Amino acid sequence: MKYRSLFPFLVLLALLAAPAMAGEIQLFGSPKLSAAISGTNEFTPGEDVTLTVHVQNTGQTDVTIVQSSIITSQDKPNTAKLLVVGLSPGTAPITVKTDPQLVGDLLGGSSVSATFSVKISKYATGGVYSLPLQLSYQYLNNADQVSSDTVRFWYYNENITIPLDIRIKSGVTLNVTEARAEQLNVGTEGYVIVRITNAGSEFARNAVAKLEREGVSPLTPTDASVYIGDFGPGDTKEIRFKASVSVDAEAQDYPVDIHVDYTNSEGDSASSDTVTVGVPVGKKIDFAVASPAPQVNPGQRVTLEVVYQNTGSAAVYHAEARISAVDPFTSNDDTAYLGDLAPGQSGIARFEMTVNGGATPKSYGLDSEIRYRDALDNSQISDTIKVPVDVVQPAGILGTLSNPLVILVIIALVVIALYYILIRRRKK
């Protein structure tokens, strides 16, 4: 839309040239601007793009008058002055991050470039889109020489819009609607279950979903590729991946990356965008002794009953407890079967023990461990579990007889009695 400037420019020019020097005035001309995208105009959903636009002025002047009495204008009518270039998304699924730019005066027969930072939406549907390029400038419409040393210039403002076409490729865009774990605990192997939707516009064939480790995460896929076949726009798939968690991890959410490799509509191999999701990991499977410390006597042969409780967050299968007998304990039966234990469930182990007769009365801690199988039938061994055992002197007469001094006195009395009996028999 054209309109006159509110304030015409009144320019007083001093005639510095010699009177004989001729001046010129150009008539019947105006700027003629065109624009095009420099480089490729084809982009991928989710891509960050630097879009360079090339603006060219092909405007010309048709008539030039040269006279000695004419004052030459500094501006030509085909010059786009104070040119501002702005890019808008229009209906395209993009975000333009760069504001309109002032690129200065664009002379006839010249060109200039403007660069814009653009984000293509990851959910963009493939196709051709038109981006409106706004160009705002002024140009010299008329120059009135009102006297031999005065010229009045009339400038018009111009706003035009040039459509720039871009092409967005069709592709698979992943939308993860759910990510959960099954039997996945610290130090064990379990499953990562992910529900994904194709939110893009590409019909993927022979699609393969892939789970990958994110950085140095302790969560590592062990069976990381699952074939899902055809995966069309709007389709949803639930996929199970095997994964393991290192023993030094904590119970919390850990990131994993997922993407889909597929064959596109043109028969070429392609990959979707990569999505990072958090997967909850349960705490480490652990056990505790839930029974009080048994009391045994020196020299005694006993059956120790130890109650082990599963204090983890996952079930264990075919659990066996093993105890290590150290001085003053000996054992010929140091293994006991516990069976399957759900979280919070307990099992009883019985161990045959012999206590050395010279054992010092005090509390002892015997090392034990539990071997079991996890939900994926992997053999696992627990951390060392201390089993407390109290060695005490027997109470009552047994306690008295177990005292070494008392035993020595009794032996001495028996020897004296036998000696006395032997002397009497000899005298008779």
Foldseek 3Di string as FASTA:
>chain_A
DKDWDPDWDWDFADPPDDLVAKAKAFDDKAWDKDKAWPDAQEAEAQDKDKIKMKMATQIDTDDMDIGSLDDYDPFHQHKFAQKKKAKACVPAQKDWPDGIDGPGIHHHGGMDMDIIIMGHHNLGEWDKDKIKMKIKTKGWHDWDAPDSGIIITIIMIDIDIDIYMGTYDWDFAKDWPDWEWDLFAAPFKGKIKTKIARSTAWWFAQKKKFKQADDPAQKGWPFGIDTDGIHHHGDMDIDITMIHGYNPDAFAWTKMKMKMWGQTPVRDIDIYDIDIDIYTHWYDWAKAWPDDAAEDEAQDKDKDKTKIFGQTQAKWAFKKKFWDDDPPKDFPFGIATFGIHGHGGIGIGITIIGGHNPDDFDKDWIWMKMWTAGPVRDIDIHDIYTRIHTYDQDDDPSSQCSDVVSVVVVVVVVVVVVVVVVVVVVVD
